[in-house]
């Protein structure tokens, strides 16, 4: 979230854990971050995963059947971008990757 604010996105255009229906079931899903444009339309949907196995599993899921991110974007037809995000911190170099 801090990175988005540092990039100039306004707090009022950021929503944490917005909910959407998943398929035809009564279940709902939530992305981690929704970034809206100035008209309050969905602009970017971000799903954060733990670096490594969790990220790889969701990446493979997205490649095979679209995964949750594509389901959310389908419901928010004006979405311009989706992002599956993970980062890791290297203690030896004090840097993230």
PDB file of N, CA and C in Angstrom:
ATOM      1  N   UNK A   1       0.824  -1.176   0.000  1.00  0.00           N
ATOM      2  CA  UNK A   1       0.000   0.000   0.000  1.00  0.00           C
ATOM      3  C   UNK A   1       0.877   1.252   0.000  1.00  0.00           C
ATOM      4  N   UNK A   2       1.948   1.225   0.805  1.00  0.00           N
ATOM      5  CA  UNK A   2       2.851   2.380   0.843  1.00  0.00           C
ATOM      6  C   UNK A   2       3.446   2.671  -0.525  1.00  0.00           C
ATOM      7  N   UNK A   3       3.780   1.625  -1.267  1.00  0.00           N
ATOM      8  CA  UNK A   3       4.359   1.828  -2.598  1.00  0.00           C
ATOM      9  C   UNK A   3       3.377   2.551  -3.508  1.00  0.00           C
ATOM     10  N   UNK A   4       2.093   2.223  -3.412  1.00  0.00           N
ATOM     11  CA  UNK A   4       1.084   2.899  -4.237  1.00  0.00           C
ATOM     12  C   UNK A   4       0.967   4.369  -3.850  1.00  0.00           C
ATOM     13  N   UNK A   5       0.993   4.650  -2.560  1.00  0.00           N
ATOM     14  CA  UNK A   5       0.949   6.042  -2.102  1.00  0.00           C
ATOM     15  C   UNK A   5       2.200   6.789  -2.553  1.00  0.00           C
ATOM     16  N   UNK A   6       3.356   6.137  -2.459  1.00  0.00           N
ATOM     17  CA  UNK A   6       4.613   6.754  -2.908  1.00  0.00           C
ATOM     18  C   UNK A   6       4.587   7.055  -4.402  1.00  0.00           C
ATOM     19  N   UNK A   7       3.851   6.242  -5.165  1.00  0.00           N
ATOM     20  CA  UNK A   7       3.735   6.463  -6.610  1.00  0.00           C
ATOM     21  C   UNK A   7       2.733   7.561  -6.957  1.00  0.00           C
ATOM     22  N   UNK A   8       2.043   8.104  -5.950  1.00  0.00           N
ATOM     23  CA  UNK A   8       1.137   9.221  -6.177  1.00  0.00           C
ATOM     24  C   UNK A   8      -0.339   8.874  -6.199  1.00  0.00           C
ATOM     25  N   UNK A   9      -0.681   7.620  -5.957  1.00  0.00           N
ATOM     26  CA  UNK A   9      -2.103   7.267  -5.886  1.00  0.00           C
ATOM     27  C   UNK A   9      -2.696   7.871  -4.624  1.00  0.00           C
ATOM     28  N   UNK A  10      -3.911   8.395  -4.727  1.00  0.00           N
ATOM     29  CA  UNK A  10      -4.559   9.048  -3.596  1.00  0.00           C
ATOM     30  C   UNK A  10      -5.241   8.009  -2.707  1.00  0.00           C
ATOM     31  N   UNK A  11      -5.180   8.204  -1.397  1.00  0.00           N
ATOM     32  CA  UNK A  11      -5.802   7.246  -0.473  1.00  0.00           C
ATOM     33  C   UNK A  11      -7.274   6.980  -0.777  1.00  0.00           C
ATOM     34  N   UNK A  12      -7.993   7.998  -1.211  1.00  0.00           N
ATOM     35  CA  UNK A  12      -9.426   7.824  -1.495  1.00  0.00           C
ATOM     36  C   UNK A  12      -9.676   6.957  -2.732  1.00  0.00           C
ATOM     37  N   UNK A  13      -8.636   6.691  -3.520  1.00  0.00           N
ATOM     38  CA  UNK A  13      -8.770   5.830  -4.701  1.00  0.00           C
ATOM     39  C   UNK A  13      -8.274   4.406  -4.443  1.00  0.00           C
ATOM     40  N   UNK A  14      -7.947   4.102  -3.197  1.00  0.00           N
ATOM     41  CA  UNK A  14      -7.455   2.775  -2.834  1.00  0.00           C
ATOM     42  C   UNK A  14      -8.459   2.099  -1.906  1.00  0.00           C
ATOM     43  N   UNK A  15      -8.770   0.859  -2.199  1.00  0.00           N
ATOM     44  CA  UNK A  15      -9.690   0.093  -1.357  1.00  0.00           C
ATOM     45  C   UNK A  15      -9.013  -1.224  -0.988  1.00  0.00           C
ATOM     46  N   UNK A  16      -9.044  -1.540   0.293  1.00  0.00           N
ATOM     47  CA  UNK A  16      -8.439  -2.778   0.778  1.00  0.00           C
ATOM     48  C   UNK A  16      -9.506  -3.869   0.859  1.00  0.00           C
ATOM     49  N   UNK A  17      -9.186  -5.008   0.294  1.00  0.00           N
ATOM     50  CA  UNK A  17     -10.017  -6.211   0.303  1.00  0.00           C
ATOM     51  C   UNK A  17     -11.458  -6.001  -0.174  1.00  0.00           C
ATOM     52  N   UNK A  18     -11.628  -5.455  -1.382  1.00  0.00           N
ATOM     53  CA  UNK A  18     -12.987  -5.378  -1.940  1.00  0.00           C
ATOM     54  C   UNK A  18     -13.507  -6.786  -2.220  1.00  0.00           C
ATOM     55  N   UNK A  19     -14.821  -6.966  -2.171  1.00  0.00           N
ATOM     56  CA  UNK A  19     -15.425  -8.296  -2.362  1.00  0.00           C
ATOM     57  C   UNK A  19     -16.169  -8.382  -3.688  1.00  0.00           C
ATOM     58  N   UNK A  20     -16.088  -9.585  -4.295  1.00  0.00           N
ATOM     59  CA  UNK A  20     -16.831  -9.905  -5.510  1.00  0.00           C
ATOM     60  C   UNK A  20     -17.399 -11.307  -5.381  1.00  0.00           C
ATOM     61  N   UNK A  21     -18.445 -11.577  -6.140  1.00  0.00           N
ATOM     62  CA  UNK A  21     -18.973 -12.939  -6.206  1.00  0.00           C
ATOM     63  C   UNK A  21     -17.984 -13.813  -6.965  1.00  0.00           C
ATOM     64  N   UNK A  22     -17.952 -15.077  -6.615  1.00  0.00           N
ATOM     65  CA  UNK A  22     -17.113 -16.041  -7.322  1.00  0.00           C
ATOM     66  C   UNK A  22     -18.006 -16.980  -8.112  1.00  0.00           C
ATOM     67  N   UNK A  23     -17.994 -16.838  -9.408  1.00  0.00           N
ATOM     68  CA  UNK A  23     -18.787 -17.707 -10.272  1.00  0.00           C
ATOM     69  C   UNK A  23     -20.266 -17.599  -9.971  1.00  0.00           C
ATOM     70  N   UNK A  24     -20.970 -18.717 -10.093  1.00  0.00           N
ATOM     71  CA  UNK A  24     -22.417 -18.733  -9.874  1.00  0.00           C
ATOM     72  C   UNK A  24     -22.786 -19.075  -8.442  1.00  0.00           C
ATOM     73  N   UNK A  25     -21.797 -19.380  -7.637  1.00  0.00           N
ATOM     74  CA  UNK A  25     -22.073 -19.764  -6.253  1.00  0.00           C
ATOM     75  C   UNK A  25     -22.372 -18.531  -5.410  1.00  0.00           C
ATOM     76  N   UNK A  26     -22.764 -18.784  -4.185  1.00  0.00           N
ATOM     77  CA  UNK A  26     -23.021 -17.686  -3.257  1.00  0.00           C
ATOM     78  C   UNK A  26     -21.743 -17.244  -2.558  1.00  0.00           C
ATOM     79  N   UNK A  27     -20.638 -17.913  -2.846  1.00  0.00           N
ATOM     80  CA  UNK A  27     -19.353 -17.549  -2.252  1.00  0.00           C
ATOM     81  C   UNK A  27     -18.890 -16.201  -2.787  1.00  0.00           C
ATOM     82  N   UNK A  28     -18.131 -15.506  -1.962  1.00  0.00           N
ATOM     83  CA  UNK A  28     -17.524 -14.268  -2.432  1.00  0.00           C
ATOM     84  C   UNK A  28     -16.016 -14.380  -2.264  1.00  0.00           C
ATOM     85  N   UNK A  29     -15.314 -13.602  -3.053  1.00  0.00           N
ATOM     86  CA  UNK A  29     -13.870 -13.567  -2.972  1.00  0.00           C
ATOM     87  C   UNK A  29     -13.431 -12.135  -2.777  1.00  0.00           C
ATOM     88  N   UNK A  30     -12.205 -11.970  -2.388  1.00  0.00           N
ATOM     89  CA  UNK A  30     -11.710 -10.610  -2.210  1.00  0.00           C
ATOM     90  C   UNK A  30     -10.285 -10.517  -2.718  1.00  0.00           C
ATOM     91  N   UNK A  31     -10.042  -9.469  -3.447  1.00  0.00           N
ATOM     92  CA  UNK A  31      -8.677  -9.164  -3.857  1.00  0.00           C
ATOM     93  C   UNK A  31      -8.037  -8.415  -2.694  1.00  0.00           C
ATOM     94  N   UNK A  32      -6.760  -8.205  -2.758  1.00  0.00           N
ATOM     95  CA  UNK A  32      -6.108  -7.485  -1.670  1.00  0.00           C
ATOM     96  C   UNK A  32      -6.260  -5.975  -1.804  1.00  0.00           C
ATOM     97  N   UNK A  33      -6.099  -5.471  -3.026  1.00  0.00           N
ATOM     98  CA  UNK A  33      -6.164  -4.021  -3.223  1.00  0.00           C
ATOM     99  C   UNK A  33      -6.875  -3.713  -4.534  1.00  0.00           C
ATOM    100  N   UNK A  34      -7.775  -2.740  -4.484  1.00  0.00           N
ATOM    101  CA  UNK A  34      -8.416  -2.201  -5.681  1.00  0.00           C
ATOM    102  C   UNK A  34      -7.990  -0.746  -5.806  1.00  0.00           C
ATOM    103  N   UNK A  35      -7.451  -0.388  -6.953  1.00  0.00           N
ATOM    104  CA  UNK A  35      -7.094   0.995  -7.248  1.00  0.00           C
ATOM    105  C   UNK A  35      -8.132   1.511  -8.232  1.00  0.00           C
ATOM    106  N   UNK A  36      -8.778   2.626  -7.876  1.00  0.00           N
ATOM    107  CA  UNK A  36      -9.794   3.225  -8.747  1.00  0.00           C
ATOM    108  C   UNK A  36      -9.225   4.457  -9.439  1.00  0.00           C
ATOM    109  N   UNK A  37      -9.815   4.787 -10.583  1.00  0.00           N
ATOM    110  CA  UNK A  37      -9.407   6.007 -11.275  1.00  0.00           C
ATOM    111  C   UNK A  37     -10.146   7.198 -10.655  1.00  0.00           C
ATOM    112  N   UNK A  38      -9.987   8.371 -11.250  1.00  0.00           N
ATOM    113  CA  UNK A  38     -10.602   9.581 -10.697  1.00  0.00           C
ATOM    114  C   UNK A  38     -12.122   9.545 -10.761  1.00  0.00           C
ATOM    115  N   UNK A  39     -12.677   8.693 -11.624  1.00  0.00           N
ATOM    116  CA  UNK A  39     -14.132   8.550 -11.728  1.00  0.00           C
ATOM    117  C   UNK A  39     -14.654   7.431 -10.839  1.00  0.00           C
ATOM    118  N   UNK A  40     -13.790   6.871 -10.007  1.00  0.00           N
ATOM    119  CA  UNK A  40     -14.122   5.775  -9.090  1.00  0.00           C
ATOM    120  C   UNK A  40     -14.410   4.456  -9.797  1.00  0.00           C
ATOM    121  N   UNK A  41     -13.939   4.315 -11.042  1.00  0.00           N
ATOM    122  CA  UNK A  41     -14.020   3.037 -11.750  1.00  0.00           C
ATOM    123  C   UNK A  41     -12.782   2.214 -11.419  1.00  0.00           C
ATOM    124  N   UNK A  42     -12.942   0.888 -11.430  1.00  0.00           N
ATOM    125  CA  UNK A  42     -11.801   0.007 -11.173  1.00  0.00           C
ATOM    126  C   UNK A  42     -10.726   0.263 -12.225  1.00  0.00           C
ATOM    127  N   UNK A  43      -9.507   0.438 -11.786  1.00  0.00           N
ATOM    128  CA  UNK A  43      -8.376   0.682 -12.675  1.00  0.00           C
ATOM    129  C   UNK A  43      -7.380  -0.474 -12.592  1.00  0.00           C
ATOM    130  N   UNK A  44      -7.085  -0.913 -11.371  1.00  0.00           N
ATOM    131  CA  UNK A  44      -6.080  -1.941 -11.126  1.00  0.00           C
ATOM    132  C   UNK A  44      -6.531  -2.806  -9.954  1.00  0.00           C
ATOM    133  N   UNK A  45      -6.508  -4.122 -10.145  1.00  0.00           N
ATOM    134  CA  UNK A  45      -6.806  -5.060  -9.067  1.00  0.00           C
ATOM    135  C   UNK A  45      -5.520  -5.813  -8.744  1.00  0.00           C
ATOM    136  N   UNK A  46      -5.143  -5.800  -7.470  1.00  0.00           N
ATOM    137  CA  UNK A  46      -3.894  -6.424  -7.036  1.00  0.00           C
ATOM    138  C   UNK A  46      -4.190  -7.568  -6.072  1.00  0.00           C
ATOM    139  N   UNK A  47      -3.613  -8.715  -6.351  1.00  0.00           N
ATOM    140  CA  UNK A  47      -3.681  -9.871  -5.456  1.00  0.00           C
ATOM    141  C   UNK A  47      -2.265 -10.139  -4.962  1.00  0.00           C
ATOM    142  N   UNK A  48      -2.057 -10.092  -3.655  1.00  0.00           N
ATOM    143  CA  UNK A  48      -0.737 -10.306  -3.060  1.00  0.00           C
ATOM    144  C   UNK A  48      -0.616 -11.737  -2.556  1.00  0.00           C
ATOM    145  N   UNK A  49       0.478 -12.365  -2.878  1.00  0.00           N
ATOM    146  CA  UNK A  49       0.752 -13.728  -2.432  1.00  0.00           C
ATOM    147  C   UNK A  49       2.135 -13.777  -1.797  1.00  0.00           C
ATOM    148  N   UNK A  50       2.334 -14.773  -0.951  1.00  0.00           N
ATOM    149  CA  UNK A  50       3.642 -15.008  -0.363  1.00  0.00           C
ATOM    150  C   UNK A  50       4.600 -15.459  -1.463  1.00  0.00           C
ATOM    151  N   UNK A  51       5.808 -14.916  -1.445  1.00  0.00           N
ATOM    152  CA  UNK A  51       6.829 -15.271  -2.423  1.00  0.00           C
ATOM    153  C   UNK A  51       7.106 -16.770  -2.360  1.00  0.00           C
ATOM    154  N   UNK A  52       7.210 -17.400  -3.500  1.00  0.00           N
ATOM    155  CA  UNK A  52       7.532 -18.830  -3.543  1.00  0.00           C
ATOM    156  C   UNK A  52       6.342 -19.677  -3.928  1.00  0.00           C
ATOM    157  N   UNK A  53       6.082 -20.711  -3.143  1.00  0.00           N
ATOM    158  CA  UNK A  53       5.065 -21.706  -3.485  1.00  0.00           C
ATOM    159  C   UNK A  53       3.669 -21.117  -3.663  1.00  0.00           C
ATOM    160  N   UNK A  54       3.253 -20.220  -2.750  1.00  0.00           N
ATOM    161  CA  UNK A  54       1.901 -19.652  -2.852  1.00  0.00           C
ATOM    162  C   UNK A  54       1.743 -18.856  -4.145  1.00  0.00           C
ATOM    163  N   UNK A  55       2.757 -18.058  -4.468  1.00  0.00           N
ATOM    164  CA  UNK A  55       2.721 -17.287  -5.709  1.00  0.00           C
ATOM    165  C   UNK A  55       2.687 -18.218  -6.917  1.00  0.00           C
ATOM    166  N   UNK A  56       3.562 -19.208  -6.931  1.00  0.00           N
ATOM    167  CA  UNK A  56       3.637 -20.142  -8.065  1.00  0.00           C
ATOM    168  C   UNK A  56       2.318 -20.882  -8.268  1.00  0.00           C
ATOM    169  N   UNK A  57       1.693 -21.295  -7.183  1.00  0.00           N
ATOM    170  CA  UNK A  57       0.413 -21.999  -7.273  1.00  0.00           C
ATOM    171  C   UNK A  57      -0.643 -21.112  -7.926  1.00  0.00           C
ATOM    172  N   UNK A  58      -0.739 -19.860  -7.480  1.00  0.00           N
ATOM    173  CA  UNK A  58      -1.746 -18.961  -8.056  1.00  0.00           C
ATOM    174  C   UNK A  58      -1.396 -18.599  -9.498  1.00  0.00           C
ATOM    175  N   UNK A  59      -0.115 -18.428  -9.803  1.00  0.00           N
ATOM    176  CA  UNK A  59       0.298 -18.146 -11.183  1.00  0.00           C
ATOM    177  C   UNK A  59      -0.143 -19.285 -12.102  1.00  0.00           C
ATOM    178  N   UNK A  60       0.112 -20.512 -11.687  1.00  0.00           N
ATOM    179  CA  UNK A  60      -0.296 -21.670 -12.487  1.00  0.00           C
ATOM    180  C   UNK A  60      -1.810 -21.749 -12.618  1.00  0.00           C
ATOM    181  N   UNK A  61      -2.518 -21.412 -11.548  1.00  0.00           N
ATOM    182  CA  UNK A  61      -3.977 -21.387 -11.580  1.00  0.00           C
ATOM    183  C   UNK A  61      -4.469 -20.348 -12.590  1.00  0.00           C
ATOM    184  N   UNK A  62      -3.862 -19.172 -12.586  1.00  0.00           N
ATOM    185  CA  UNK A  62      -4.249 -18.122 -13.538  1.00  0.00           C
ATOM    186  C   UNK A  62      -3.989 -18.566 -14.971  1.00  0.00           C
ATOM    187  N   UNK A  63      -2.869 -19.214 -15.192  1.00  0.00           N
ATOM    188  CA  UNK A  63      -2.525 -19.659 -16.548  1.00  0.00           C
ATOM    189  C   UNK A  63      -3.454 -20.763 -17.040  1.00  0.00           C
ATOM    190  N   UNK A  64      -3.940 -21.599 -16.133  1.00  0.00           N
ATOM    191  CA  UNK A  64      -4.775 -22.726 -16.564  1.00  0.00           C
ATOM    192  C   UNK A  64      -6.254 -22.377 -16.662  1.00  0.00           C
ATOM    193  N   UNK A  65      -6.773 -21.564 -15.721  1.00  0.00           N
ATOM    194  CA  UNK A  65      -8.211 -21.284 -15.775  1.00  0.00           C
ATOM    195  C   UNK A  65      -8.583 -19.837 -15.474  1.00  0.00           C
ATOM    196  N   UNK A  66      -7.611 -18.960 -15.420  1.00  0.00           N
ATOM    197  CA  UNK A  66      -7.899 -17.550 -15.187  1.00  0.00           C
ATOM    198  C   UNK A  66      -7.784 -17.124 -13.738  1.00  0.00           C
ATOM    199  N   UNK A  67      -8.028 -18.039 -12.817  1.00  0.00           N
ATOM    200  CA  UNK A  67      -7.894 -17.720 -11.401  1.00  0.00           C
ATOM    201  C   UNK A  67      -8.848 -16.644 -10.930  1.00  0.00           C
ATOM    202  N   UNK A  68      -8.689 -16.262  -9.695  1.00  0.00           N
ATOM    203  CA  UNK A  68      -9.575 -15.277  -9.089  1.00  0.00           C
ATOM    204  C   UNK A  68      -9.428 -13.895  -9.710  1.00  0.00           C
ATOM    205  N   UNK A  69      -8.219 -13.486 -10.022  1.00  0.00           N
ATOM    206  CA  UNK A  69      -8.019 -12.138 -10.560  1.00  0.00           C
ATOM    207  C   UNK A  69      -8.833 -11.890 -11.824  1.00  0.00           C
ATOM    208  N   UNK A  70      -8.845 -12.850 -12.732  1.00  0.00           N
ATOM    209  CA  UNK A  70      -9.610 -12.663 -13.962  1.00  0.00           C
ATOM    210  C   UNK A  70     -11.109 -12.646 -13.680  1.00  0.00           C
ATOM    211  N   UNK A  71     -11.539 -13.416 -12.676  1.00  0.00           N
ATOM    212  CA  UNK A  71     -12.942 -13.413 -12.278  1.00  0.00           C
ATOM    213  C   UNK A  71     -13.341 -12.032 -11.755  1.00  0.00           C
ATOM    214  N   UNK A  72     -12.485 -11.433 -10.936  1.00  0.00           N
ATOM    215  CA  UNK A  72     -12.769 -10.094 -10.419  1.00  0.00           C
ATOM    216  C   UNK A  72     -12.789  -9.067 -11.548  1.00  0.00           C
ATOM    217  N   UNK A  73     -11.810  -9.140 -12.431  1.00  0.00           N
ATOM    218  CA  UNK A  73     -11.728  -8.186 -13.545  1.00  0.00           C
ATOM    219  C   UNK A  73     -12.935  -8.320 -14.468  1.00  0.00           C
ATOM    220  N   UNK A  74     -13.433  -9.533 -14.636  1.00  0.00           N
ATOM    221  CA  UNK A  74     -14.614  -9.744 -15.476  1.00  0.00           C
ATOM    222  C   UNK A  74     -15.819  -9.012 -14.883  1.00  0.00           C
ATOM    223  N   UNK A  75     -15.910  -8.988 -13.564  1.00  0.00           N
ATOM    224  CA  UNK A  75     -17.027  -8.315 -12.897  1.00  0.00           C
ATOM    225  C   UNK A  75     -16.854  -6.803 -12.880  1.00  0.00           C
ATOM    226  N   UNK A  76     -15.629  -6.360 -12.926  1.00  0.00           N
ATOM    227  CA  UNK A  76     -15.314  -4.924 -12.997  1.00  0.00           C
ATOM    228  C   UNK A  76     -14.822  -4.651 -14.410  1.00  0.00           C
ATOM    229  N   UNK A  77     -15.741  -4.570 -15.348  1.00  0.00           N
ATOM    230  CA  UNK A  77     -15.422  -4.515 -16.776  1.00  0.00           C
ATOM    231  C   UNK A  77     -14.505  -3.355 -17.176  1.00  0.00           C
ATOM    232  N   UNK A  78     -14.474  -2.294 -16.391  1.00  0.00           N
ATOM    233  CA  UNK A  78     -13.630  -1.146 -16.745  1.00  0.00           C
ATOM    234  C   UNK A  78     -12.199  -1.283 -16.235  1.00  0.00           C
ATOM    235  N   UNK A  79     -11.894  -2.386 -15.572  1.00  0.00           N
ATOM    236  CA  UNK A  79     -10.539  -2.618 -15.059  1.00  0.00           C
ATOM    237  C   UNK A  79      -9.530  -2.600 -16.204  1.00  0.00           C
ATOM    238  N   UNK A  80      -8.487  -1.833 -16.041  1.00  0.00           N
ATOM    239  CA  UNK A  80      -7.439  -1.738 -17.066  1.00  0.00           C
ATOM    240  C   UNK A  80      -6.324  -2.760 -16.847  1.00  0.00           C
ATOM    241  N   UNK A  81      -5.999  -3.032 -15.576  1.00  0.00           N
ATOM    242  CA  UNK A  81      -4.864  -3.891 -15.259  1.00  0.00           C
ATOM    243  C   UNK A  81      -5.188  -4.802 -14.082  1.00  0.00           C
ATOM    244  N   UNK A  82      -4.571  -5.984 -14.094  1.00  0.00           N
ATOM    245  CA  UNK A  82      -4.586  -6.865 -12.932  1.00  0.00           C
ATOM    246  C   UNK A  82      -3.137  -7.186 -12.597  1.00  0.00           C
ATOM    247  N   UNK A  83      -2.886  -7.479 -11.323  1.00  0.00           N
ATOM    248  CA  UNK A  83      -1.510  -7.730 -10.890  1.00  0.00           C
ATOM    249  C   UNK A  83      -1.487  -8.817  -9.831  1.00  0.00           C
ATOM    250  N   UNK A  84      -0.738  -9.857 -10.094  1.00  0.00           N
ATOM    251  CA  UNK A  84      -0.435 -10.867  -9.086  1.00  0.00           C
ATOM    252  C   UNK A  84       0.939 -10.492  -8.539  1.00  0.00           C
ATOM    253  N   UNK A  85       1.011 -10.164  -7.259  1.00  0.00           N
ATOM    254  CA  UNK A  85       2.209  -9.562  -6.680  1.00  0.00           C
ATOM    255  C   UNK A  85       2.797 -10.423  -5.561  1.00  0.00           C
ATOM    256  N   UNK A  86       4.092 -10.502  -5.521  1.00  0.00           N
ATOM    257  CA  UNK A  86       4.817 -11.111  -4.404  1.00  0.00           C
ATOM    258  C   UNK A  86       6.172 -10.420  -4.290  1.00  0.00           C
ATOM    259  N   UNK A  87       6.687 -10.362  -3.087  1.00  0.00           N
ATOM    260  CA  UNK A  87       8.042  -9.840  -2.905  1.00  0.00           C
ATOM    261  C   UNK A  87       8.714 -10.630  -1.791  1.00  0.00           C
ATOM    262  N   UNK A  88      10.014 -10.546  -1.764  1.00  0.00           N
ATOM    263  CA  UNK A  88      10.799 -11.235  -0.750  1.00  0.00           C
ATOM    264  C   UNK A  88      11.920 -10.299  -0.333  1.00  0.00           C
ATOM    265  N   UNK A  89      12.332 -10.390   0.912  1.00  0.00           N
ATOM    266  CA  UNK A  89      13.396  -9.538   1.424  1.00  0.00           C
ATOM    267  C   UNK A  89      14.658 -10.367   1.620  1.00  0.00           C
ATOM    268  N   UNK A  90      15.739  -9.902   1.040  1.00  0.00           N
ATOM    269  CA  UNK A  90      17.035 -10.571   1.166  1.00  0.00           C
ATOM    270  C   UNK A  90      17.800  -9.916   2.322  1.00  0.00           C
ATOM    271  N   UNK A  91      17.943 -10.630   3.417  1.00  0.00           N
ATOM    272  CA  UNK A  91      18.597 -10.079   4.611  1.00  0.00           C
ATOM    273  C   UNK A  91      20.079  -9.787   4.382  1.00  0.00           C
ATOM    274  N   UNK A  92      20.703 -10.559   3.506  1.00  0.00           N
ATOM    275  CA  UNK A  92      22.135 -10.361   3.248  1.00  0.00           C
ATOM    276  C   UNK A  92      22.409  -9.031   2.558  1.00  0.00           C
ATOM    277  N   UNK A  93      21.545  -8.657   1.629  1.00  0.00           N
ATOM    278  CA  UNK A  93      21.762  -7.427   0.870  1.00  0.00           C
ATOM    279  C   UNK A  93      20.849  -6.286   1.321  1.00  0.00           C
ATOM    280  N   UNK A  94      19.965  -6.561   2.294  1.00  0.00           N
ATOM    281  CA  UNK A  94      18.984  -5.567   2.745  1.00  0.00           C
ATOM    282  C   UNK A  94      18.182  -4.994   1.585  1.00  0.00           C
ATOM    283  N   UNK A  95      17.755  -5.876   0.701  1.00  0.00           N
ATOM    284  CA  UNK A  95      16.966  -5.415  -0.441  1.00  0.00           C
ATOM    285  C   UNK A  95      15.814  -6.379  -0.697  1.00  0.00           C
ATOM    286  N   UNK A  96      14.813  -5.869  -1.369  1.00  0.00           N
ATOM    287  CA  UNK A  96      13.671  -6.724  -1.711  1.00  0.00           C
ATOM    288  C   UNK A  96      13.775  -7.141  -3.163  1.00  0.00           C
ATOM    289  N   UNK A  97      13.096  -8.247  -3.469  1.00  0.00           N
ATOM    290  CA  UNK A  97      13.069  -8.710  -4.847  1.00  0.00           C
ATOM    291  C   UNK A  97      11.667  -9.119  -5.201  1.00  0.00           C
TER     292      UNK A  97
END
